[in-house]
Amino acid sequence: MSTDDEQTIDYMANEIQILQAQLHALRWIPVEEGLPEKTMTGYLVRQGLTCPSIMTYISGKRWHTIFGDYDNITHWMPIPPLPEEKDGDV
C-alpha cells in the first residue's frame, strides 16, 4: 500500500468519525438516558403526543414554554445549528 493510499484511508476514517459524532448529536435522547447539562432550547416529545414541541430546558429538570412547565417529556434533542452563510447569501 502506498503512502498516498494510507493518507487517504486515514483521512476517510477521520471524516467517518466526525460524521458519526454529528449523527449521534442529532438523535432523540430518552430522558431516562439523560437530560441536558445546561439551559438549552430543543425539540421535545411529550407522552401521548405525536408532534414534537420546541421548549427550553432550565437546569433543575424543568421544561418550559410560554404556556408553562411540562414534566411529561419522554425524549429530547438539541436544535441543530443554523447553516453557515456563504458570500452573497442574504
Protein backbone atom coordinates (compact mmCIF):
# COMPACT_ATOMS: atom_id res chain seq x y z
CA MET A 1 0.00 0.00 0.00
CA SER A 2 1.36 3.40 -0.94
CA THR A 3 1.74 6.38 1.35
CA ASP A 4 -0.98 8.19 -0.63
CA ASP A 5 -3.36 5.27 -0.02
CA GLU A 6 -2.60 5.29 3.70
CA GLN A 7 -3.18 9.05 3.90
CA THR A 8 -6.49 8.68 2.04
CA ILE A 9 -7.60 5.90 4.40
CA ASP A 10 -6.62 7.97 7.45
CA TYR A 11 -8.48 11.00 6.08
CA MET A 12 -11.60 8.95 5.36
CA ALA A 13 -11.51 7.28 8.80
CA ASN A 14 -11.33 10.73 10.42
CA GLU A 15 -14.25 12.01 8.31
CA ILE A 16 -16.33 8.96 9.30
CA GLN A 17 -15.68 9.67 12.99
CA ILE A 18 -16.76 13.31 12.55
CA LEU A 19 -19.97 12.28 10.76
CA GLN A 20 -20.76 9.63 13.36
CA ALA A 21 -20.41 12.23 16.13
CA GLN A 22 -22.70 14.64 14.27
CA LEU A 23 -25.29 11.93 13.71
CA HIS A 24 -25.15 10.91 17.37
CA ALA A 25 -25.72 14.52 18.44
CA LEU A 26 -28.91 14.74 16.33
CA ARG A 27 -30.73 11.72 17.71
CA TRP A 28 -33.76 11.57 20.00
CA ILE A 29 -32.45 11.09 23.55
CA PRO A 30 -34.72 9.32 26.07
CA VAL A 31 -34.99 11.33 29.30
CA GLU A 32 -34.07 8.13 31.16
CA GLU A 33 -30.71 8.28 29.40
CA GLY A 34 -30.03 11.84 30.46
CA LEU A 35 -31.03 15.48 30.42
CA PRO A 36 -29.19 18.50 29.02
CA GLU A 37 -26.24 19.59 31.11
CA LYS A 38 -27.22 23.27 30.92
CA THR A 39 -30.09 25.52 29.91
CA MET A 40 -30.93 24.99 26.23
CA THR A 41 -33.77 25.12 23.73
CA GLY A 42 -34.58 21.89 21.97
CA TYR A 43 -37.12 19.63 20.33
CA LEU A 44 -39.16 17.53 22.74
CA VAL A 45 -41.64 14.68 22.59
CA ARG A 46 -44.31 14.64 25.27
CA GLN A 47 -46.01 11.47 26.43
CA GLY A 48 -49.18 10.79 24.40
CA LEU A 49 -48.38 13.32 21.65
CA THR A 50 -47.04 12.51 18.20
CA CYS A 51 -45.87 16.01 17.24
CA PRO A 52 -42.60 17.34 18.69
CA SER A 53 -42.60 20.62 20.58
CA ILE A 54 -39.94 23.28 20.99
CA MET A 55 -39.24 24.07 24.63
CA THR A 56 -36.48 25.44 26.79
CA TYR A 57 -34.82 23.20 29.36
CA ILE A 58 -33.98 25.12 32.51
CA SER A 59 -31.38 23.49 34.73
CA GLY A 60 -33.13 21.66 37.52
CA LYS A 61 -35.15 19.27 35.36
CA ARG A 62 -37.72 21.79 34.12
CA TRP A 63 -39.05 22.03 30.56
CA HIS A 64 -40.65 25.43 29.91
CA THR A 65 -42.72 27.24 27.26
CA ILE A 66 -44.65 30.48 27.40
CA PHE A 67 -47.63 28.29 28.37
CA GLY A 68 -45.95 26.85 31.46
CA ASP A 69 -43.77 23.97 32.64
CA TYR A 70 -44.07 20.36 31.49
CA ASP A 71 -42.98 17.15 33.15
CA ASN A 72 -44.31 14.52 30.73
CA ILE A 73 -41.32 14.67 28.38
CA THR A 74 -40.16 11.30 27.01
CA HIS A 75 -37.40 12.31 24.53
CA TRP A 76 -35.43 15.40 23.56
CA MET A 77 -32.82 16.54 21.04
CA PRO A 78 -30.83 19.73 20.55
CA ILE A 79 -31.85 22.02 17.72
CA PRO A 80 -29.16 21.67 15.02
CA PRO A 81 -27.00 24.71 14.30
CA LEU A 82 -28.10 27.10 11.57
CA PRO A 83 -26.38 26.75 8.21
CA GLU A 84 -23.32 28.90 7.71
CA GLU A 85 -23.79 31.92 5.48
CA LYS A 86 -21.79 31.96 2.27
CA ASP A 87 -20.64 35.06 0.43
CA GLY A 88 -23.59 36.54 -1.41
CA ASP A 89 -26.26 34.94 0.81
CA VAL A 90 -28.95 37.29 2.00
